[in-house]
Amino acid sequence: MSPRRPSQQVPDAVRDAVERTIQATVGSAQLTRERAQEAVDEVVRGAGAGAESLREKLLEAIEERRPATQEDMKAIRKELRAISRRLDAIEQRLPAKRSGSTASRSRKPKS
């Protein structure tokens, strides 16, 4: 091999310095890339959760505002009949009411 000329040594030295710099920064660049990807993933997850929450709230609001269907009315009637039967059973277990005249006779008039 022939000895390098001084004019060739400067570009080679610059090239070596650049290569060393690149090699030194590759690791940190990869770490930075991973951190950036994690941050983006976190933002996307947060946006997804926010969108899901908004979706649920909208569905609830729509459900509350929609008119009752025939099925809804049938279910309400069925539940009302069941409540009526329970109330009848409770009333049958209650003691008989006193007549109004008995209650008024037991009171003494105020003078």
N, C-alpha and C. Protein backbone atom coordinates (compact mmCIF):
# COMPACT_ATOMS: atom_id res chain seq x y z
N MET A 1 0.82 -1.17 0.00
CA MET A 1 0.00 0.00 0.00
C MET A 1 0.87 1.24 0.00
N SER A 2 0.36 2.19 -0.66
CA SER A 2 1.11 3.43 -0.72
C SER A 2 0.70 4.33 0.42
N PRO A 3 1.62 5.08 0.96
CA PRO A 3 1.28 5.99 2.06
C PRO A 3 0.28 7.05 1.59
N ARG A 4 -0.56 7.44 2.49
CA ARG A 4 -1.58 8.43 2.14
C ARG A 4 -0.94 9.80 1.99
N ARG A 5 -1.46 10.49 1.08
CA ARG A 5 -1.00 11.85 0.90
C ARG A 5 -1.73 12.74 1.88
N PRO A 6 -1.14 13.85 2.30
CA PRO A 6 -1.77 14.74 3.27
C PRO A 6 -3.14 15.24 2.80
N SER A 7 -3.33 15.45 1.52
CA SER A 7 -4.61 15.95 1.03
C SER A 7 -5.69 14.89 1.18
N GLN A 8 -5.30 13.63 1.13
CA GLN A 8 -6.26 12.54 1.28
C GLN A 8 -6.55 12.28 2.75
N GLN A 9 -5.68 12.59 3.62
CA GLN A 9 -5.85 12.32 5.04
C GLN A 9 -6.98 13.16 5.64
N VAL A 10 -7.15 14.37 5.22
CA VAL A 10 -8.20 15.25 5.76
C VAL A 10 -9.58 14.69 5.43
N PRO A 11 -9.89 14.37 4.17
CA PRO A 11 -11.22 13.82 3.89
C PRO A 11 -11.45 12.49 4.62
N ASP A 12 -10.42 11.65 4.72
CA ASP A 12 -10.56 10.39 5.43
C ASP A 12 -10.85 10.64 6.91
N ALA A 13 -10.17 11.60 7.49
CA ALA A 13 -10.38 11.93 8.89
C ALA A 13 -11.79 12.45 9.11
N VAL A 14 -12.27 13.28 8.18
CA VAL A 14 -13.63 13.81 8.28
C VAL A 14 -14.62 12.66 8.15
N ARG A 15 -14.40 11.77 7.17
CA ARG A 15 -15.27 10.63 6.96
C ARG A 15 -15.31 9.76 8.22
N ASP A 16 -14.16 9.49 8.82
CA ASP A 16 -14.10 8.69 10.05
C ASP A 16 -14.86 9.37 11.19
N ALA A 17 -14.68 10.68 11.30
CA ALA A 17 -15.37 11.42 12.36
C ALA A 17 -16.88 11.36 12.16
N VAL A 18 -17.31 11.51 10.92
CA VAL A 18 -18.74 11.45 10.62
C VAL A 18 -19.28 10.05 10.95
N GLU A 19 -18.57 9.02 10.55
CA GLU A 19 -19.01 7.65 10.82
C GLU A 19 -19.10 7.39 12.33
N ARG A 20 -18.11 7.85 13.08
CA ARG A 20 -18.13 7.68 14.53
C ARG A 20 -19.34 8.41 15.14
N THR A 21 -19.60 9.63 14.64
CA THR A 21 -20.73 10.41 15.14
C THR A 21 -22.05 9.71 14.85
N ILE A 22 -22.16 9.21 13.64
CA ILE A 22 -23.39 8.49 13.27
C ILE A 22 -23.57 7.25 14.13
N GLN A 23 -22.52 6.49 14.31
CA GLN A 23 -22.61 5.29 15.13
C GLN A 23 -22.98 5.62 16.58
N ALA A 24 -22.44 6.73 17.08
CA ALA A 24 -22.73 7.13 18.45
C ALA A 24 -24.18 7.58 18.61
N THR A 25 -24.76 8.15 17.56
CA THR A 25 -26.13 8.66 17.67
C THR A 25 -27.19 7.65 17.25
N VAL A 26 -26.80 6.56 16.62
CA VAL A 26 -27.79 5.58 16.18
C VAL A 26 -28.57 5.03 17.38
N GLY A 27 -27.88 4.70 18.43
CA GLY A 27 -28.55 4.16 19.61
C GLY A 27 -29.53 5.14 20.22
N SER A 28 -29.10 6.37 20.38
CA SER A 28 -30.00 7.36 20.98
C SER A 28 -31.14 7.71 20.03
N ALA A 29 -30.88 7.67 18.73
CA ALA A 29 -31.95 7.94 17.77
C ALA A 29 -33.02 6.85 17.85
N GLN A 30 -32.57 5.60 17.99
CA GLN A 30 -33.52 4.49 18.13
C GLN A 30 -34.34 4.64 19.41
N LEU A 31 -33.70 5.03 20.49
CA LEU A 31 -34.39 5.25 21.75
C LEU A 31 -35.40 6.40 21.62
N THR A 32 -35.00 7.47 20.96
CA THR A 32 -35.90 8.60 20.74
C THR A 32 -37.09 8.17 19.90
N ARG A 33 -36.84 7.36 18.88
CA ARG A 33 -37.92 6.87 18.02
C ARG A 33 -38.90 6.03 18.84
N GLU A 34 -38.38 5.16 19.69
CA GLU A 34 -39.24 4.32 20.52
C GLU A 34 -40.08 5.17 21.48
N ARG A 35 -39.47 6.17 22.07
CA ARG A 35 -40.20 7.06 22.98
C ARG A 35 -41.29 7.83 22.24
N ALA A 36 -40.97 8.30 21.05
CA ALA A 36 -41.96 9.02 20.25
C ALA A 36 -43.11 8.10 19.89
N GLN A 37 -42.80 6.85 19.53
CA GLN A 37 -43.86 5.89 19.19
C GLN A 37 -44.74 5.60 20.40
N GLU A 38 -44.14 5.47 21.57
CA GLU A 38 -44.91 5.24 22.79
C GLU A 38 -45.83 6.43 23.08
N ALA A 39 -45.32 7.63 22.86
CA ALA A 39 -46.14 8.84 23.09
C ALA A 39 -47.32 8.87 22.13
N VAL A 40 -47.06 8.56 20.87
CA VAL A 40 -48.14 8.53 19.88
C VAL A 40 -49.16 7.46 20.24
N ASP A 41 -48.69 6.28 20.64
CA ASP A 41 -49.60 5.21 21.05
C ASP A 41 -50.47 5.64 22.22
N GLU A 42 -49.87 6.33 23.16
CA GLU A 42 -50.62 6.81 24.34
C GLU A 42 -51.71 7.81 23.93
N VAL A 43 -51.35 8.71 23.04
CA VAL A 43 -52.33 9.69 22.56
C VAL A 43 -53.47 8.98 21.83
N VAL A 44 -53.13 8.01 21.01
CA VAL A 44 -54.16 7.27 20.26
C VAL A 44 -55.06 6.51 21.22
N ARG A 45 -54.48 5.87 22.23
CA ARG A 45 -55.29 5.14 23.23
C ARG A 45 -56.23 6.11 23.95
N GLY A 46 -55.70 7.26 24.33
CA GLY A 46 -56.53 8.26 25.02
C GLY A 46 -57.65 8.76 24.13
N ALA A 47 -57.35 9.00 22.88
CA ALA A 47 -58.38 9.46 21.95
C ALA A 47 -59.42 8.37 21.74
N GLY A 48 -58.97 7.13 21.67
CA GLY A 48 -59.91 6.01 21.51
C GLY A 48 -60.83 5.87 22.70
N ALA A 49 -60.27 6.01 23.89
CA ALA A 49 -61.08 5.92 25.11
C ALA A 49 -62.06 7.08 25.17
N GLY A 50 -61.60 8.27 24.81
CA GLY A 50 -62.49 9.43 24.80
C GLY A 50 -63.61 9.26 23.79
N ALA A 51 -63.28 8.71 22.64
CA ALA A 51 -64.29 8.49 21.60
C ALA A 51 -65.31 7.45 22.07
N GLU A 52 -64.85 6.41 22.75
CA GLU A 52 -65.77 5.38 23.25
C GLU A 52 -66.69 5.96 24.32
N SER A 53 -66.14 6.78 25.19
CA SER A 53 -66.95 7.42 26.22
C SER A 53 -68.00 8.33 25.59
N LEU A 54 -67.60 9.09 24.60
CA LEU A 54 -68.53 9.97 23.90
C LEU A 54 -69.61 9.15 23.20
N ARG A 55 -69.23 8.05 22.60
CA ARG A 55 -70.19 7.16 21.93
C ARG A 55 -71.24 6.66 22.91
N GLU A 56 -70.80 6.22 24.09
CA GLU A 56 -71.73 5.72 25.10
C GLU A 56 -72.69 6.82 25.55
N LYS A 57 -72.18 8.02 25.77
CA LYS A 57 -73.03 9.13 26.20
C LYS A 57 -74.06 9.49 25.13
N LEU A 58 -73.63 9.46 23.87
CA LEU A 58 -74.56 9.76 22.79
C LEU A 58 -75.65 8.70 22.70
N LEU A 59 -75.27 7.43 22.83
CA LEU A 59 -76.27 6.36 22.78
C LEU A 59 -77.27 6.48 23.92
N GLU A 60 -76.78 6.83 25.11
CA GLU A 60 -77.69 7.03 26.25
C GLU A 60 -78.64 8.19 26.00
N ALA A 61 -78.12 9.28 25.46
CA ALA A 61 -78.96 10.45 25.18
C ALA A 61 -80.01 10.12 24.13
N ILE A 62 -79.63 9.40 23.12
CA ILE A 62 -80.59 9.01 22.07
C ILE A 62 -81.64 8.07 22.65
N GLU A 63 -81.21 7.13 23.45
CA GLU A 63 -82.14 6.17 24.06
C GLU A 63 -83.16 6.88 24.93
N GLU A 64 -82.72 7.88 25.68
CA GLU A 64 -83.64 8.62 26.56
C GLU A 64 -84.64 9.44 25.76
N ARG A 65 -84.27 9.88 24.58
CA ARG A 65 -85.12 10.78 23.81
C ARG A 65 -86.03 10.06 22.81
N ARG A 66 -85.78 8.79 22.54
CA ARG A 66 -86.58 8.12 21.52
C ARG A 66 -87.98 7.83 22.05
N PRO A 67 -88.98 7.86 21.19
CA PRO A 67 -90.34 7.60 21.64
C PRO A 67 -90.52 6.12 22.01
N ALA A 68 -91.49 5.86 22.88
CA ALA A 68 -91.76 4.49 23.31
C ALA A 68 -92.31 3.68 22.15
N THR A 69 -91.84 2.46 22.04
CA THR A 69 -92.33 1.55 20.99
C THR A 69 -93.47 0.71 21.55
N GLN A 70 -94.11 -0.07 20.69
CA GLN A 70 -95.16 -0.99 21.14
C GLN A 70 -94.59 -1.97 22.15
N GLU A 71 -93.38 -2.43 21.91
CA GLU A 71 -92.73 -3.36 22.85
C GLU A 71 -92.54 -2.71 24.21
N ASP A 72 -92.11 -1.45 24.21
CA ASP A 72 -91.94 -0.71 25.47
C ASP A 72 -93.26 -0.62 26.21
N MET A 73 -94.33 -0.29 25.48
CA MET A 73 -95.65 -0.13 26.10
C MET A 73 -96.14 -1.47 26.67
N LYS A 74 -95.90 -2.55 25.96
CA LYS A 74 -96.30 -3.88 26.47
C LYS A 74 -95.56 -4.19 27.77
N ALA A 75 -94.27 -3.88 27.80
CA ALA A 75 -93.47 -4.14 29.01
C ALA A 75 -93.96 -3.28 30.17
N ILE A 76 -94.30 -2.03 29.90
CA ILE A 76 -94.80 -1.13 30.95
C ILE A 76 -96.14 -1.64 31.49
N ARG A 77 -97.04 -2.06 30.58
CA ARG A 77 -98.34 -2.59 31.02
C ARG A 77 -98.16 -3.83 31.88
N LYS A 78 -97.26 -4.71 31.47
CA LYS A 78 -97.00 -5.94 32.22
C LYS A 78 -96.48 -5.61 33.62
N GLU A 79 -95.55 -4.67 33.69
CA GLU A 79 -94.99 -4.28 34.99
C GLU A 79 -96.06 -3.61 35.85
N LEU A 80 -96.92 -2.80 35.25
CA LEU A 80 -97.99 -2.13 35.98
C LEU A 80 -98.99 -3.15 36.54
N ARG A 81 -99.31 -4.17 35.76
CA ARG A 81 -100.20 -5.22 36.27
C ARG A 81 -99.57 -5.95 37.45
N ALA A 82 -98.28 -6.23 37.37
CA ALA A 82 -97.59 -6.91 38.47
C ALA A 82 -97.59 -6.03 39.72
N ILE A 83 -97.37 -4.74 39.57
CA ILE A 83 -97.40 -3.81 40.71
C ILE A 83 -98.80 -3.76 41.30
N SER A 84 -99.80 -3.75 40.45
CA SER A 84 -101.19 -3.72 40.92
C SER A 84 -101.53 -4.96 41.74
N ARG A 85 -101.07 -6.13 41.27
CA ARG A 85 -101.31 -7.37 42.03
C ARG A 85 -100.61 -7.32 43.38
N ARG A 86 -99.39 -6.83 43.42
CA ARG A 86 -98.67 -6.72 44.69
C ARG A 86 -99.38 -5.76 45.64
N LEU A 87 -99.85 -4.64 45.12
CA LEU A 87 -100.57 -3.66 45.95
C LEU A 87 -101.86 -4.27 46.50
N ASP A 88 -102.59 -5.02 45.67
CA ASP A 88 -103.81 -5.68 46.14
C ASP A 88 -103.49 -6.65 47.28
N ALA A 89 -102.41 -7.40 47.14
CA ALA A 89 -102.03 -8.36 48.18
C ALA A 89 -101.66 -7.63 49.47
N ILE A 90 -100.96 -6.52 49.37
CA ILE A 90 -100.58 -5.74 50.55
C ILE A 90 -101.84 -5.18 51.23
N GLU A 91 -102.75 -4.65 50.43
CA GLU A 91 -103.98 -4.07 51.00
C GLU A 91 -104.82 -5.14 51.69
N GLN A 92 -104.84 -6.35 51.20
CA GLN A 92 -105.62 -7.42 51.84
C GLN A 92 -105.04 -7.79 53.19
N ARG A 93 -103.75 -7.63 53.37
CA ARG A 93 -103.12 -7.97 54.65
C ARG A 93 -103.28 -6.86 55.68
N LEU A 94 -103.64 -5.67 55.26
CA LEU A 94 -103.82 -4.55 56.19
C LEU A 94 -105.09 -4.75 57.01
N PRO A 95 -105.11 -4.23 58.25
CA PRO A 95 -106.35 -4.32 59.05
C PRO A 95 -107.44 -3.49 58.39
N ALA A 96 -108.68 -3.89 58.65
CA ALA A 96 -109.81 -3.19 58.06
C ALA A 96 -109.84 -1.75 58.57
N LYS A 97 -110.25 -0.83 57.71
CA LYS A 97 -110.33 0.57 58.09
C LYS A 97 -111.52 0.78 59.00
N ARG A 98 -111.36 1.70 59.94
CA ARG A 98 -112.48 2.07 60.79
C ARG A 98 -113.40 3.00 60.01
N SER A 99 -114.64 2.95 60.34
CA SER A 99 -115.55 3.86 59.63
C SER A 99 -115.31 5.27 60.13
N GLY A 100 -115.61 6.25 59.33
CA GLY A 100 -115.39 7.64 59.68
C GLY A 100 -116.20 8.08 60.87
N SER A 101 -117.42 7.53 61.08
CA SER A 101 -118.26 7.96 62.19
C SER A 101 -117.71 7.48 63.52
N THR A 102 -117.07 6.30 63.55
CA THR A 102 -116.48 5.79 64.79
C THR A 102 -115.33 6.68 65.22
N ALA A 103 -114.53 7.08 64.30
CA ALA A 103 -113.38 7.92 64.62
C ALA A 103 -113.83 9.28 65.10
N SER A 104 -114.92 9.82 64.54
CA SER A 104 -115.34 11.16 64.96
C SER A 104 -116.02 11.11 66.32
N ARG A 105 -116.67 9.99 66.70
CA ARG A 105 -117.31 9.87 67.99
C ARG A 105 -116.30 9.76 69.11
N SER A 106 -115.14 9.19 68.82
CA SER A 106 -114.15 9.02 69.88
C SER A 106 -113.47 10.35 70.23
N ARG A 107 -113.60 11.31 69.41
CA ARG A 107 -112.99 12.62 69.69
C ARG A 107 -113.96 13.45 70.48
N LYS A 108 -113.44 14.17 71.42
CA LYS A 108 -114.27 15.08 72.22
C LYS A 108 -114.27 16.44 71.56
N PRO A 109 -115.40 17.08 71.48
CA PRO A 109 -115.44 18.41 70.86
C PRO A 109 -114.68 19.41 71.72
N LYS A 110 -114.08 20.34 71.07
CA LYS A 110 -113.32 21.38 71.77
C LYS A 110 -114.28 22.47 72.19
N SER A 111 -114.08 23.00 73.38
CA SER A 111 -114.96 24.06 73.87
C SER A 111 -114.32 25.40 73.72
